[in-house]
Amino acid sequence: MSSAATSRRRFRRGGVLLGAALVALGLFWWTTHQPSRTADATASPSPVEPGNAPAATTPQLGRAESAKPIVVTPQSEADDAQLAALRERLHHSSLRGSDVDGDVALDGNGQLRLDAELLRRFDYYLSLSGEFSPAEIRRLLEGDLREQHGNAIADAALDTFDRYIGLRQALENSSLPDDPAARLAALRELQHAWFGDAADSLFGEENSLLADTIARRAIETNPDLSEVERSRQLAELDQQRSPSERESRDEANAARLAEEQTEQFDQLDMDAATRHEERAALWGEDAADRLAALDQQRADWDRRLGDYASARQRILDDASLSPDARQQALNRLRESGFDANEQLRVEALERTGGLPSG
């Protein structure tokens, strides 16, 4: 992958400040990587027996001979129309203007390669949760897979996607230890339960980053270490990481710092010009521009959501309205303030109690 493509990815995924590194950090804290609304994306298969996963070297994931042409099963006109409508909505979604993240690649035997790039492709589509239903997200993914890679690879990738959804749901429903190292061990156990030996190729990079973060944190917070010894041990950790792992750790640190910096700006009610100056000094002009655009998008969304919540509460408190009239008023209010995709997000916030106080 070119350095330019890597650079673009770091600032993609509307709302994620510095790229895919935040996904790894979210998994570490067991929140952002397991939203319940994505658990229904498909009827997830059961975990595999250890050692019997649909790995890239086994035939369960399907084989595509590289010398053969891509084969795509014809879809009905209704299926084609549904996919076209979903893609039209996608052009107006939070992913508008972005490049598709991740990659779907084959190994030397023409089989689907299970790696972190495949998971990034899944996460790209799953970032639409709240705007698209789980079934719609899967249909968008399926349409692209079948058109670009043919049925055999698409079936293999979709099977992996369904297991990925199952793993996310299992994480949500699991009681996990408080100790970070024990949590990581529990995570690895669940990954192997769902993917067998293929878990290492899918999650190994992310797990290494998390293990490094845990080890680094233990050194930094150890009160028995002198500053010299602490620096020495941290330097030893750096030497143990591969160049790609060091880059991933640097991205994760940058993402965390940018998030913390934005929170500090908010607390200080810092003006836009000062924010840009501070960010540019640390991240560069391009990054500062992107972060400023995210600030504006977030502020606009928060303002509109707050206005909606206040007006919604007034409607709910109006005792003169019948249930039907109240619902019609709420529908009109939602339609007047948000586009079709945003309305799905608002409805999701209503169901989960996530609206600001009205």
Protein backbone atom coordinates (compact mmCIF):
# COMPACT_ATOMS: atom_id res chain seq x y z
CA MET A 1 0.00 0.00 0.00
CA SER A 2 1.39 3.40 -0.93
CA SER A 3 2.30 5.98 1.67
CA ALA A 4 -0.29 8.32 0.14
CA ALA A 5 -3.04 5.74 0.62
CA THR A 6 -1.92 5.20 4.20
CA SER A 7 -1.98 8.94 4.82
CA ARG A 8 -5.50 9.26 3.41
CA ARG A 9 -6.74 6.46 5.63
CA ARG A 10 -5.55 8.17 8.80
CA PHE A 11 -8.04 11.00 8.37
CA ARG A 12 -11.03 9.07 7.04
CA ARG A 13 -14.10 7.51 8.68
CA GLY A 14 -16.20 10.57 9.51
CA GLY A 15 -15.74 11.37 13.17
CA VAL A 16 -12.62 9.27 13.78
CA LEU A 17 -9.91 11.85 14.26
CA LEU A 18 -6.74 10.25 13.04
CA GLY A 19 -7.72 7.00 11.37
CA ALA A 20 -8.06 3.33 12.07
CA ALA A 21 -5.92 3.47 15.21
CA LEU A 22 -8.95 4.58 17.23
CA VAL A 23 -10.66 1.29 16.40
CA ALA A 24 -7.90 -0.58 18.21
CA LEU A 25 -8.14 1.74 21.20
CA GLY A 26 -11.91 1.36 21.24
CA LEU A 27 -11.57 -2.42 21.38
CA PHE A 28 -9.18 -2.02 24.30
CA TRP A 29 -11.85 -0.21 26.30
CA TRP A 30 -14.56 -2.61 25.05
CA THR A 31 -16.99 0.01 23.85
CA THR A 32 -16.68 1.24 20.28
CA HIS A 33 -15.86 -2.12 18.81
CA GLN A 34 -19.07 -3.85 19.88
CA PRO A 35 -22.25 -1.83 19.20
CA SER A 36 -25.36 -3.94 19.69
CA ARG A 37 -27.07 -2.45 16.65
CA THR A 38 -24.63 -4.25 14.34
CA ALA A 39 -25.18 -7.61 15.95
CA ASP A 40 -28.23 -8.22 13.78
CA ALA A 41 -26.40 -7.67 10.52
CA THR A 42 -26.88 -11.34 9.79
CA ALA A 43 -27.70 -14.59 11.49
CA SER A 44 -24.19 -15.12 12.82
CA PRO A 45 -22.78 -18.62 12.64
CA SER A 46 -21.65 -20.40 15.77
CA PRO A 47 -18.05 -20.21 16.91
CA VAL A 48 -15.73 -22.70 15.30
CA GLU A 49 -13.96 -25.42 17.14
CA PRO A 50 -10.35 -24.42 17.89
CA GLY A 51 -8.15 -25.37 14.99
CA ASN A 52 -11.10 -25.80 12.61
CA ALA A 53 -11.58 -22.20 11.59
CA PRO A 54 -12.29 -21.24 7.99
CA ALA A 55 -8.66 -20.24 7.59
CA ALA A 56 -7.06 -19.02 4.39
CA THR A 57 -5.45 -22.42 3.87
CA THR A 58 -8.64 -24.44 4.20
CA PRO A 59 -11.38 -24.85 1.60
CA GLN A 60 -14.30 -23.70 3.78
CA LEU A 61 -13.81 -20.11 2.69
CA GLY A 62 -13.98 -21.02 -0.96
CA ARG A 63 -11.31 -21.22 -3.64
CA ALA A 64 -10.96 -18.98 -6.65
CA GLU A 65 -8.46 -20.21 -9.24
CA SER A 66 -6.53 -17.15 -10.39
CA ALA A 67 -6.62 -18.32 -14.00
CA LYS A 68 -10.41 -18.45 -14.07
CA PRO A 69 -12.60 -15.42 -14.77
CA ILE A 70 -14.65 -13.85 -12.00
CA VAL A 71 -18.11 -15.41 -11.84
CA VAL A 72 -21.05 -13.38 -10.58
CA THR A 73 -24.50 -14.80 -10.05
CA PRO A 74 -27.10 -12.67 -11.88
CA GLN A 75 -29.38 -10.75 -9.53
CA SER A 76 -33.05 -10.07 -10.03
CA GLU A 77 -34.20 -6.65 -11.13
CA ALA A 78 -35.59 -6.08 -7.63
CA ASP A 79 -32.22 -6.91 -6.09
CA ASP A 80 -30.46 -4.58 -8.51
CA ALA A 81 -32.92 -1.78 -7.76
CA GLN A 82 -32.50 -2.26 -4.02
CA LEU A 83 -28.70 -2.14 -4.29
CA ALA A 84 -28.84 0.94 -6.52
CA ALA A 85 -31.06 2.72 -4.00
CA LEU A 86 -28.69 1.83 -1.16
CA ARG A 87 -25.72 3.12 -3.11
CA GLU A 88 -27.53 6.36 -3.81
CA ARG A 89 -28.09 6.80 -0.08
CA LEU A 90 -24.45 5.97 0.50
CA HIS A 91 -23.46 8.94 -1.67
CA HIS A 92 -25.22 11.22 0.84
CA SER A 93 -24.10 9.42 4.00
CA SER A 94 -21.32 10.20 6.47
CA LEU A 95 -18.97 8.26 4.15
CA ARG A 96 -19.61 10.49 1.15
CA GLY A 97 -16.43 11.45 -0.63
CA SER A 98 -14.32 8.85 1.18
CA ASP A 99 -12.26 6.05 -0.31
CA VAL A 100 -13.26 2.53 0.69
CA ASP A 101 -10.94 1.47 3.51
CA GLY A 102 -9.16 -1.85 3.80
CA ASP A 103 -8.56 -4.47 1.14
CA VAL A 104 -9.89 -7.82 -0.07
CA ALA A 105 -6.90 -9.82 -1.30
CA LEU A 106 -6.06 -13.38 -2.32
CA ASP A 107 -3.18 -15.55 -1.19
CA GLY A 108 -0.87 -17.44 -3.51
CA ASN A 109 -3.42 -20.25 -3.87
CA GLY A 110 -6.20 -17.93 -4.99
CA GLN A 111 -8.02 -18.09 -1.66
CA LEU A 112 -9.29 -15.20 0.41
CA ARG A 113 -6.54 -13.81 2.58
CA LEU A 114 -7.65 -13.26 6.16
CA ASP A 115 -5.83 -10.25 7.55
CA ALA A 116 -6.31 -6.89 9.22
CA GLU A 117 -7.01 -5.22 5.87
CA LEU A 118 -10.11 -7.39 5.45
CA LEU A 119 -11.37 -6.32 8.87
CA ARG A 120 -10.77 -2.69 7.93
CA ARG A 121 -13.01 -3.23 4.92
CA PHE A 122 -15.71 -4.60 7.22
CA ASP A 123 -15.29 -1.72 9.69
CA TYR A 124 -15.61 0.79 6.86
CA TYR A 125 -19.13 -0.44 6.13
CA LEU A 126 -20.02 -0.98 9.78
CA SER A 127 -19.26 2.69 10.46
CA LEU A 128 -22.62 3.29 8.74
CA SER A 129 -24.45 1.82 11.74
CA GLY A 130 -27.25 4.15 12.75
CA GLU A 131 -27.63 5.47 9.21
CA PHE A 132 -28.27 2.10 7.55
CA SER A 133 -29.85 -1.01 9.00
CA PRO A 134 -27.61 -4.04 9.65
CA ALA A 135 -29.15 -5.85 6.67
CA GLU A 136 -28.54 -2.84 4.42
CA ILE A 137 -24.91 -2.63 5.50
CA ARG A 138 -24.40 -6.27 4.66
CA ARG A 139 -26.11 -5.83 1.29
CA LEU A 140 -23.81 -2.95 0.36
CA LEU A 141 -20.79 -5.02 1.30
CA GLU A 142 -22.11 -8.03 -0.58
CA GLY A 143 -22.81 -6.02 -3.73
CA ASP A 144 -19.28 -4.65 -3.87
CA LEU A 145 -17.72 -8.03 -3.09
CA ARG A 146 -19.61 -9.90 -5.81
CA GLU A 147 -18.96 -7.27 -8.47
CA GLN A 148 -15.27 -6.87 -7.70
CA HIS A 149 -14.23 -10.39 -6.68
CA GLY A 150 -16.82 -12.90 -7.88
CA ASN A 151 -19.05 -15.29 -5.98
CA ALA A 152 -16.48 -17.62 -4.44
CA ILE A 153 -14.47 -14.88 -2.78
CA ALA A 154 -17.63 -12.93 -1.90
CA ASP A 155 -19.13 -15.98 -0.16
CA ALA A 156 -15.87 -16.50 1.75
CA ALA A 157 -15.68 -12.86 2.79
CA LEU A 158 -19.34 -12.75 3.83
CA ASP A 159 -18.87 -15.85 5.97
CA THR A 160 -15.95 -14.11 7.67
CA PHE A 161 -18.04 -10.95 8.06
CA ASP A 162 -20.85 -12.92 9.73
CA ARG A 163 -18.38 -14.46 12.16
CA TYR A 164 -16.96 -11.01 12.84
CA ILE A 165 -20.44 -9.79 13.75
CA GLY A 166 -20.86 -12.85 15.97
CA LEU A 167 -17.59 -12.07 17.73
CA ARG A 168 -18.67 -8.46 18.34
CA GLN A 169 -21.95 -9.67 19.82
CA ALA A 170 -20.12 -12.20 21.99
CA LEU A 171 -17.88 -9.42 23.31
CA GLU A 172 -20.90 -7.34 24.19
CA ASN A 173 -22.56 -10.20 26.04
CA SER A 174 -19.42 -11.36 27.89
CA SER A 175 -18.45 -10.53 31.43
CA LEU A 176 -14.82 -9.49 31.10
CA PRO A 177 -12.10 -8.99 33.72
CA ASP A 178 -11.16 -5.50 34.85
CA ASP A 179 -7.43 -6.09 34.55
CA PRO A 180 -6.27 -4.96 31.07
CA ALA A 181 -3.94 -7.92 30.54
CA ALA A 182 -6.68 -10.36 31.56
CA ARG A 183 -9.10 -8.57 29.22
CA LEU A 184 -6.71 -8.97 26.32
CA ALA A 185 -6.34 -12.67 27.13
CA ALA A 186 -10.14 -13.02 27.19
CA LEU A 187 -10.36 -11.17 23.88
CA ARG A 188 -7.86 -13.53 22.28
CA GLU A 189 -9.76 -16.53 23.60
CA LEU A 190 -12.99 -15.29 22.03
CA GLN A 191 -11.24 -14.52 18.76
CA HIS A 192 -9.92 -18.07 18.57
CA ALA A 193 -13.34 -19.45 19.49
CA TRP A 194 -14.86 -17.72 16.45
CA PHE A 195 -11.96 -18.01 13.99
CA GLY A 196 -9.62 -20.74 15.20
CA ASP A 197 -6.06 -20.40 13.93
CA ALA A 198 -7.16 -17.69 11.49
CA ALA A 199 -7.60 -15.34 14.48
CA ASP A 200 -3.86 -14.67 14.53
CA SER A 201 -3.76 -13.42 10.95
CA LEU A 202 -6.92 -11.35 11.43
CA PHE A 203 -6.26 -9.82 14.84
CA GLY A 204 -2.56 -10.36 15.49
CA GLU A 205 -1.53 -6.84 14.48
CA GLU A 206 -4.19 -5.23 16.66
CA ASN A 207 -3.49 -7.53 19.60
CA SER A 208 0.21 -6.72 19.42
CA LEU A 209 -0.62 -3.03 19.57
CA LEU A 210 -2.86 -3.58 22.60
CA ALA A 211 -0.25 -5.73 24.35
CA ASP A 212 2.33 -3.03 23.74
CA THR A 213 -0.03 -0.39 25.13
CA ILE A 214 -0.64 -2.46 28.26
CA ALA A 215 3.07 -3.13 28.81
CA ARG A 216 3.92 0.52 28.22
CA ARG A 217 1.26 1.66 30.67
CA ALA A 218 2.54 -0.74 33.33
CA ILE A 219 6.04 0.71 32.99
CA GLU A 220 4.85 4.31 33.00
CA THR A 221 2.78 3.85 36.18
CA ASN A 222 5.25 1.70 38.12
CA PRO A 223 6.19 3.83 41.17
CA ASP A 224 9.23 1.67 41.93
CA LEU A 225 11.08 2.64 38.74
CA SER A 226 13.49 5.53 38.53
CA GLU A 227 13.18 7.82 35.52
CA VAL A 228 16.33 6.32 34.06
CA GLU A 229 15.08 2.76 34.45
CA ARG A 230 11.64 3.70 33.14
CA SER A 231 13.17 5.23 30.02
CA ARG A 232 15.38 2.19 29.51
CA GLN A 233 12.47 -0.24 29.70
CA LEU A 234 10.35 1.86 27.34
CA ALA A 235 13.22 1.95 24.86
CA GLU A 236 13.48 -1.84 25.06
CA LEU A 237 9.78 -2.12 24.23
CA ASP A 238 10.31 0.04 21.16
CA GLN A 239 13.12 -2.19 19.95
CA GLN A 240 10.91 -5.28 20.21
CA ARG A 241 8.30 -3.88 17.82
CA SER A 242 8.45 -4.23 14.07
CA PRO A 243 8.45 -1.05 11.94
CA SER A 244 4.75 -1.55 11.09
CA GLU A 245 3.88 -2.04 14.76
CA ARG A 246 5.79 1.09 15.68
CA GLU A 247 3.83 3.01 13.06
CA SER A 248 0.55 1.59 14.41
CA ARG A 249 1.51 2.59 17.95
CA ASP A 250 2.44 6.08 16.79
CA GLU A 251 -0.94 6.39 15.05
CA ALA A 252 -2.75 5.23 18.18
CA ASN A 253 -0.85 7.72 20.33
CA ALA A 254 -1.57 10.49 17.85
CA ALA A 255 -5.27 9.63 17.79
CA ARG A 256 -5.48 9.65 21.57
CA LEU A 257 -3.59 12.93 21.83
CA ALA A 258 -5.81 14.58 19.21
CA GLU A 259 -8.91 13.41 21.06
CA GLU A 260 -7.60 14.68 24.39
CA GLN A 261 -6.55 17.95 22.80
CA THR A 262 -10.04 18.51 21.38
CA GLU A 263 -11.61 17.81 24.78
CA GLN A 264 -9.28 20.37 26.35
CA PHE A 265 -10.18 22.93 23.69
CA ASP A 266 -13.87 22.35 24.43
CA GLN A 267 -13.36 22.77 28.18
CA LEU A 268 -11.47 26.03 27.62
CA ASP A 269 -14.02 27.22 25.04
CA MET A 270 -11.10 27.96 22.74
CA ASP A 271 -11.82 29.89 19.54
CA ALA A 272 -11.32 28.33 16.10
CA ALA A 273 -8.23 30.36 15.21
CA THR A 274 -6.37 29.33 18.35
CA ARG A 275 -7.41 25.70 17.87
CA HIS A 276 -6.01 25.75 14.35
CA GLU A 277 -2.74 27.30 15.47
CA GLU A 278 -2.25 24.73 18.24
CA ARG A 279 -3.13 21.79 15.99
CA ALA A 280 -1.00 22.98 13.10
CA ALA A 281 2.02 23.26 15.38
CA LEU A 282 1.56 19.64 16.46
CA TRP A 283 0.04 17.87 13.46
CA GLY A 284 0.62 20.13 10.46
CA GLU A 285 -1.66 22.38 8.41
CA ASP A 286 -3.53 19.61 6.53
CA ALA A 287 -4.40 17.75 9.71
CA ALA A 288 -5.45 20.98 11.42
CA ASP A 289 -7.81 21.75 8.51
CA ARG A 290 -9.37 18.29 8.72
CA LEU A 291 -9.82 18.50 12.46
CA ALA A 292 -11.37 21.96 12.10
CA ALA A 293 -13.86 20.57 9.59
CA LEU A 294 -14.75 17.82 12.06
CA ASP A 295 -15.25 20.47 14.75
CA GLN A 296 -17.71 22.29 12.52
CA GLN A 297 -19.60 19.12 11.62
CA ARG A 298 -19.85 18.09 15.26
CA ALA A 299 -20.95 21.55 16.39
CA ASP A 300 -23.63 21.71 13.70
CA TRP A 301 -24.88 18.24 14.59
CA ASP A 302 -24.92 19.00 18.33
CA ARG A 303 -26.80 22.25 17.76
CA ARG A 304 -29.45 20.66 15.56
CA LEU A 305 -29.79 17.68 17.89
CA GLY A 306 -30.22 19.97 20.90
CA ASP A 307 -32.87 22.03 19.12
CA TYR A 308 -34.67 18.84 18.13
CA ALA A 309 -34.57 17.44 21.67
CA SER A 310 -36.05 20.63 23.12
CA ALA A 311 -38.85 20.79 20.54
CA ARG A 312 -39.50 17.06 20.92
CA GLN A 313 -39.90 17.42 24.68
CA ARG A 314 -42.42 20.24 24.21
CA ILE A 315 -44.47 17.97 21.96
CA LEU A 316 -44.30 15.11 24.45
CA ASP A 317 -45.42 17.45 27.25
CA ASP A 318 -48.39 18.81 25.28
CA ALA A 319 -51.35 17.11 26.94
CA SER A 320 -53.74 18.47 24.30
CA LEU A 321 -52.33 16.15 21.63
CA SER A 322 -53.74 12.72 20.98
CA PRO A 323 -51.23 9.86 20.60
CA ASP A 324 -51.64 9.93 16.80
CA ALA A 325 -51.30 13.70 16.62
CA ARG A 326 -48.24 13.60 18.87
CA GLN A 327 -46.56 10.99 16.69
CA GLN A 328 -47.33 12.94 13.52
CA ALA A 329 -45.87 16.08 15.08
CA LEU A 330 -42.72 14.20 16.06
CA ASN A 331 -42.38 12.81 12.54
CA ARG A 332 -42.74 16.29 11.01
CA LEU A 333 -40.20 17.69 13.46
CA ARG A 334 -37.67 15.00 12.62
CA GLU A 335 -38.19 15.38 8.87
CA SER A 336 -37.82 19.17 9.02
CA GLY A 337 -34.47 19.07 10.80
CA PHE A 338 -32.66 16.06 9.38
CA ASP A 339 -32.16 14.28 6.09
CA ALA A 340 -33.18 10.64 5.63
CA ASN A 341 -29.89 9.18 6.85
CA GLU A 342 -29.68 11.53 9.82
CA GLN A 343 -33.21 10.59 10.83
CA LEU A 344 -32.04 7.00 11.29
CA ARG A 345 -29.33 8.21 13.65
CA VAL A 346 -31.83 10.34 15.57
CA GLU A 347 -34.24 7.42 15.89
CA ALA A 348 -31.41 5.24 17.20
CA LEU A 349 -30.55 7.88 19.81
CA GLU A 350 -34.20 8.06 20.84
CA ARG A 351 -34.38 4.29 21.32
CA THR A 352 -31.21 4.22 23.42
CA GLY A 353 -31.89 7.38 25.45
CA GLY A 354 -28.98 9.16 23.81
CA LEU A 355 -30.66 12.48 23.05
CA PRO A 356 -29.50 15.55 25.00
CA SER A 357 -31.80 16.81 27.70
CA GLY A 358 -34.75 18.56 26.10
